[in-house]
């Protein structure tokens, strides 16, 4: 078991493009569906695996391009330390003063370490000075317990 780190920051309106953040339905629209529905399905099916937007389900980071992996760690505490470094790096830009609080950030890192050690994924999101958003995720790999079918992007 190992862990991959992901970071995305960008405009909130781009983050809100949920159709590109969820995998396409396993079945395409039935024959005879409206052309715009078929076209939208094709767009999402083509773009979801490659778009850099954070997926709604954290495990789906594993199907994204390997170039989006910001780090790989064998130990949960190392992955959590990376999260802590990113939190410290961005904390001054957090829109919420409460989220900038060092004891709060330390609790997030400690919680992440415990979750990762148990084999779970971790995903945090923060509003930055408006209208930006920061998404941080660490995904457990080989296997990912929330979706066993997803292959490691780095193997």
Foldseek 3Di string as FASTA:
>chain_A
DKKFKAKDKDFPVVLPPQLLQEAQDPDQDDPPPDPVSNVSSVVSNVRNLEDNHHHPDNQSVQSYAPVRGPDMGRALLVVLVVVLVVCQVQLVFFPDPVSSDVVNSVVLSVVSSVQVVVQAKDWDKTCGPPPMIMIMIMARPPPRVVDRPRHGNPD
